[in-house]
């Protein structure tokens, strides 16, 4: 059972860390042209639900990984929605 914990930590660190560079780039540049707003909305909701699942199971690995990912995904979603709104308005 103990090795399962290490696998969970490794998976959480790798998937969350791999998302960070893209999140930073998108937040800094505000460029969301290549991002599907609908996909990102589904992604953000899914990550939030994984976080809730971790809370229900009292699993710190699931909670932490998905909380960090959600906090990075949320501003990207807001930027993408804003850019989409501006494009439709123009």
N, C-alpha and C. Protein backbone atom coordinates (compact mmCIF):
# COMPACT_ATOMS: atom_id res chain seq x y z
N UNK A 1 0.82 -1.20 0.00
CA UNK A 1 0.00 0.00 0.00
C UNK A 1 0.86 1.26 0.00
N UNK A 2 1.98 1.20 0.69
CA UNK A 2 2.84 2.37 0.79
C UNK A 2 3.35 2.82 -0.57
N UNK A 3 3.66 1.89 -1.48
CA UNK A 3 4.15 2.27 -2.80
C UNK A 3 3.08 3.01 -3.58
N UNK A 4 1.82 2.72 -3.33
CA UNK A 4 0.72 3.43 -3.98
C UNK A 4 0.74 4.91 -3.66
N UNK A 5 1.12 5.25 -2.46
CA UNK A 5 1.21 6.65 -2.06
C UNK A 5 2.28 7.36 -2.88
N UNK A 6 3.40 6.71 -3.07
CA UNK A 6 4.48 7.31 -3.85
C UNK A 6 4.09 7.48 -5.32
N UNK A 7 3.36 6.52 -5.84
CA UNK A 7 2.87 6.64 -7.22
C UNK A 7 1.91 7.82 -7.33
N UNK A 8 1.05 7.98 -6.36
CA UNK A 8 0.12 9.11 -6.35
C UNK A 8 0.84 10.44 -6.27
N UNK A 9 1.82 10.54 -5.41
CA UNK A 9 2.61 11.78 -5.31
C UNK A 9 3.34 12.07 -6.61
N UNK A 10 3.95 11.04 -7.20
CA UNK A 10 4.68 11.23 -8.46
C UNK A 10 3.72 11.69 -9.56
N UNK A 11 2.57 11.06 -9.67
CA UNK A 11 1.59 11.43 -10.69
C UNK A 11 1.11 12.87 -10.47
N UNK A 12 0.81 13.22 -9.24
CA UNK A 12 0.33 14.57 -8.92
C UNK A 12 1.38 15.62 -9.25
N UNK A 13 2.61 15.36 -8.87
CA UNK A 13 3.68 16.33 -9.14
C UNK A 13 3.93 16.48 -10.64
N UNK A 14 4.00 15.38 -11.35
CA UNK A 14 4.29 15.45 -12.79
C UNK A 14 3.17 16.11 -13.58
N UNK A 15 1.92 15.74 -13.32
CA UNK A 15 0.83 16.33 -14.10
C UNK A 15 0.63 17.81 -13.76
N UNK A 16 0.75 18.16 -12.51
CA UNK A 16 0.57 19.56 -12.12
C UNK A 16 1.74 20.40 -12.61
N UNK A 17 2.95 19.91 -12.42
CA UNK A 17 4.14 20.66 -12.84
C UNK A 17 4.18 20.83 -14.36
N UNK A 18 3.69 19.85 -15.10
CA UNK A 18 3.71 19.98 -16.56
C UNK A 18 2.75 21.05 -17.05
N UNK A 19 1.76 21.38 -16.26
CA UNK A 19 0.77 22.39 -16.63
C UNK A 19 1.27 23.81 -16.34
N UNK A 20 2.19 23.95 -15.40
CA UNK A 20 2.64 25.27 -14.94
C UNK A 20 3.25 26.14 -16.06
N UNK A 21 4.19 25.65 -16.87
CA UNK A 21 4.78 26.53 -17.89
C UNK A 21 3.75 27.09 -18.88
N UNK A 22 2.82 26.25 -19.31
CA UNK A 22 1.79 26.72 -20.24
C UNK A 22 0.88 27.74 -19.56
N UNK A 23 0.55 27.51 -18.31
CA UNK A 23 -0.30 28.45 -17.58
C UNK A 23 0.40 29.80 -17.45
N UNK A 24 1.65 29.79 -17.08
CA UNK A 24 2.40 31.04 -16.94
C UNK A 24 2.46 31.77 -18.27
N UNK A 25 2.77 31.05 -19.34
CA UNK A 25 2.87 31.66 -20.67
C UNK A 25 1.54 32.30 -21.08
N UNK A 26 0.46 31.58 -20.89
CA UNK A 26 -0.85 32.08 -21.30
C UNK A 26 -1.28 33.26 -20.44
N UNK A 27 -1.05 33.19 -19.15
CA UNK A 27 -1.43 34.29 -18.26
C UNK A 27 -0.62 35.54 -18.59
N UNK A 28 0.67 35.39 -18.84
CA UNK A 28 1.52 36.54 -19.17
C UNK A 28 1.16 37.15 -20.53
N UNK A 29 0.97 36.31 -21.53
CA UNK A 29 0.74 36.82 -22.89
C UNK A 29 -0.71 37.20 -23.14
N UNK A 30 -1.62 36.64 -22.34
CA UNK A 30 -3.06 36.85 -22.54
C UNK A 30 -3.53 36.29 -23.89
N UNK A 31 -2.70 35.49 -24.55
CA UNK A 31 -3.02 34.93 -25.86
C UNK A 31 -3.71 33.58 -25.67
N UNK A 32 -4.99 33.54 -26.02
CA UNK A 32 -5.76 32.31 -25.90
C UNK A 32 -6.34 31.88 -27.26
N UNK A 33 -5.74 32.38 -28.32
CA UNK A 33 -6.27 32.10 -29.66
C UNK A 33 -6.36 30.60 -29.95
N UNK A 34 -5.40 29.84 -29.49
CA UNK A 34 -5.39 28.41 -29.77
C UNK A 34 -6.13 27.57 -28.75
N UNK A 35 -6.86 28.21 -27.84
CA UNK A 35 -7.53 27.49 -26.76
C UNK A 35 -9.03 27.43 -27.05
N UNK A 36 -9.59 26.25 -26.92
CA UNK A 36 -11.04 26.08 -27.02
C UNK A 36 -11.65 26.45 -25.67
N UNK A 37 -12.50 27.45 -25.68
CA UNK A 37 -13.14 27.89 -24.44
C UNK A 37 -14.00 26.77 -23.85
N UNK A 38 -14.71 26.07 -24.70
CA UNK A 38 -15.56 24.98 -24.22
C UNK A 38 -14.72 23.86 -23.58
N UNK A 39 -13.61 23.51 -24.20
CA UNK A 39 -12.73 22.49 -23.63
C UNK A 39 -12.16 22.97 -22.30
N UNK A 40 -11.75 24.22 -22.24
CA UNK A 40 -11.15 24.73 -21.01
C UNK A 40 -12.18 24.83 -19.89
N UNK A 41 -13.42 25.15 -20.25
CA UNK A 41 -14.49 25.17 -19.25
C UNK A 41 -14.68 23.77 -18.69
N UNK A 42 -14.76 22.78 -19.56
CA UNK A 42 -14.89 21.40 -19.10
C UNK A 42 -13.70 20.95 -18.27
N UNK A 43 -12.50 21.35 -18.68
CA UNK A 43 -11.28 21.01 -17.95
C UNK A 43 -11.32 21.61 -16.54
N UNK A 44 -11.65 22.89 -16.44
CA UNK A 44 -11.68 23.56 -15.13
C UNK A 44 -12.73 22.94 -14.21
N UNK A 45 -13.90 22.65 -14.76
CA UNK A 45 -14.94 22.01 -13.95
C UNK A 45 -14.49 20.62 -13.52
N UNK A 46 -13.89 19.87 -14.43
CA UNK A 46 -13.39 18.53 -14.09
C UNK A 46 -12.33 18.56 -13.01
N UNK A 47 -11.40 19.48 -13.11
CA UNK A 47 -10.34 19.60 -12.09
C UNK A 47 -10.96 19.98 -10.74
N UNK A 48 -11.93 20.90 -10.77
CA UNK A 48 -12.61 21.29 -9.53
C UNK A 48 -13.31 20.08 -8.91
N UNK A 49 -13.97 19.28 -9.74
CA UNK A 49 -14.66 18.10 -9.22
C UNK A 49 -13.68 17.06 -8.67
N UNK A 50 -12.52 16.92 -9.31
CA UNK A 50 -11.49 16.04 -8.75
C UNK A 50 -11.04 16.54 -7.38
N UNK A 51 -10.93 17.85 -7.23
CA UNK A 51 -10.56 18.42 -5.95
C UNK A 51 -11.63 18.10 -4.89
N UNK A 52 -12.90 18.25 -5.26
CA UNK A 52 -13.99 17.92 -4.35
C UNK A 52 -13.95 16.43 -3.99
N UNK A 53 -13.70 15.60 -4.99
CA UNK A 53 -13.56 14.16 -4.74
C UNK A 53 -12.46 13.89 -3.72
N UNK A 54 -11.34 14.58 -3.87
CA UNK A 54 -10.25 14.44 -2.90
C UNK A 54 -10.67 14.86 -1.51
N UNK A 55 -11.47 15.92 -1.43
CA UNK A 55 -11.98 16.37 -0.13
C UNK A 55 -12.89 15.32 0.49
N UNK A 56 -13.77 14.74 -0.32
CA UNK A 56 -14.68 13.71 0.17
C UNK A 56 -13.90 12.50 0.67
N UNK A 57 -12.86 12.13 -0.05
CA UNK A 57 -12.03 10.97 0.32
C UNK A 57 -10.96 11.32 1.35
N UNK A 58 -10.82 12.61 1.65
CA UNK A 58 -9.78 13.08 2.57
C UNK A 58 -8.40 12.65 2.09
N UNK A 59 -8.15 12.88 0.78
CA UNK A 59 -6.89 12.49 0.14
C UNK A 59 -6.11 13.75 -0.23
N UNK A 60 -5.10 14.04 0.54
CA UNK A 60 -4.34 15.27 0.38
C UNK A 60 -3.65 15.36 -0.98
N UNK A 61 -3.24 14.24 -1.54
CA UNK A 61 -2.58 14.25 -2.84
C UNK A 61 -3.55 14.74 -3.92
N UNK A 62 -4.74 14.16 -3.93
CA UNK A 62 -5.75 14.56 -4.92
C UNK A 62 -6.17 16.02 -4.69
N UNK A 63 -6.36 16.39 -3.46
CA UNK A 63 -6.77 17.76 -3.13
C UNK A 63 -5.71 18.75 -3.60
N UNK A 64 -4.46 18.55 -3.20
CA UNK A 64 -3.39 19.51 -3.49
C UNK A 64 -3.14 19.64 -4.99
N UNK A 65 -3.02 18.51 -5.68
CA UNK A 65 -2.72 18.56 -7.11
C UNK A 65 -3.82 19.29 -7.87
N UNK A 66 -5.05 18.98 -7.56
CA UNK A 66 -6.15 19.58 -8.29
C UNK A 66 -6.44 21.01 -7.86
N UNK A 67 -6.14 21.35 -6.62
CA UNK A 67 -6.29 22.74 -6.19
C UNK A 67 -5.30 23.64 -6.93
N UNK A 68 -4.06 23.20 -7.03
CA UNK A 68 -3.05 23.98 -7.75
C UNK A 68 -3.42 24.10 -9.23
N UNK A 69 -3.80 22.98 -9.83
CA UNK A 69 -4.17 23.01 -11.25
C UNK A 69 -5.39 23.90 -11.47
N UNK A 70 -6.38 23.82 -10.59
CA UNK A 70 -7.57 24.66 -10.73
C UNK A 70 -7.22 26.14 -10.60
N UNK A 71 -6.35 26.46 -9.65
CA UNK A 71 -5.94 27.86 -9.47
C UNK A 71 -5.16 28.39 -10.67
N UNK A 72 -4.51 27.52 -11.40
CA UNK A 72 -3.82 27.92 -12.63
C UNK A 72 -4.78 27.95 -13.82
N UNK A 73 -5.74 27.05 -13.84
CA UNK A 73 -6.68 26.97 -14.97
C UNK A 73 -7.72 28.08 -14.93
N UNK A 74 -8.11 28.50 -13.76
CA UNK A 74 -9.17 29.50 -13.63
C UNK A 74 -8.83 30.83 -14.31
N UNK A 75 -7.66 31.42 -14.07
CA UNK A 75 -7.36 32.67 -14.77
C UNK A 75 -7.27 32.49 -16.28
N UNK A 76 -6.80 31.34 -16.74
CA UNK A 76 -6.74 31.09 -18.18
C UNK A 76 -8.15 31.03 -18.75
N UNK A 77 -9.05 30.39 -18.04
CA UNK A 77 -10.45 30.34 -18.48
C UNK A 77 -11.05 31.73 -18.53
N UNK A 78 -10.80 32.54 -17.52
CA UNK A 78 -11.32 33.91 -17.50
C UNK A 78 -10.76 34.71 -18.68
N UNK A 79 -9.48 34.60 -18.93
CA UNK A 79 -8.85 35.31 -20.05
C UNK A 79 -9.45 34.83 -21.37
N UNK A 80 -9.61 33.52 -21.52
CA UNK A 80 -10.17 32.96 -22.76
C UNK A 80 -11.60 33.44 -22.97
N UNK A 81 -12.41 33.45 -21.91
CA UNK A 81 -13.79 33.94 -22.02
C UNK A 81 -13.81 35.42 -22.38
N UNK A 82 -12.94 36.19 -21.75
CA UNK A 82 -12.87 37.63 -22.06
C UNK A 82 -12.46 37.85 -23.51
N UNK A 83 -11.45 37.13 -23.97
CA UNK A 83 -11.00 37.26 -25.35
C UNK A 83 -12.09 36.84 -26.34
N UNK A 84 -12.80 35.78 -26.01
CA UNK A 84 -13.90 35.32 -26.86
C UNK A 84 -15.01 36.39 -26.93
N UNK A 85 -15.34 36.96 -25.79
CA UNK A 85 -16.36 38.01 -25.73
C UNK A 85 -15.94 39.23 -26.55
N UNK A 86 -14.68 39.62 -26.42
CA UNK A 86 -14.17 40.76 -27.18
C UNK A 86 -14.19 40.48 -28.70
N UNK A 87 -13.83 39.27 -29.08
CA UNK A 87 -13.81 38.91 -30.50
C UNK A 87 -15.22 38.94 -31.09
N UNK A 88 -16.19 38.48 -30.34
CA UNK A 88 -17.58 38.48 -30.82
C UNK A 88 -18.16 39.90 -30.86
N UNK A 89 -17.69 40.73 -29.95
CA UNK A 89 -18.17 42.11 -29.86
C UNK A 89 -17.62 42.96 -31.02
N UNK A 90 -16.40 42.63 -31.47
CA UNK A 90 -15.74 43.42 -32.51
C UNK A 90 -16.34 43.23 -33.89
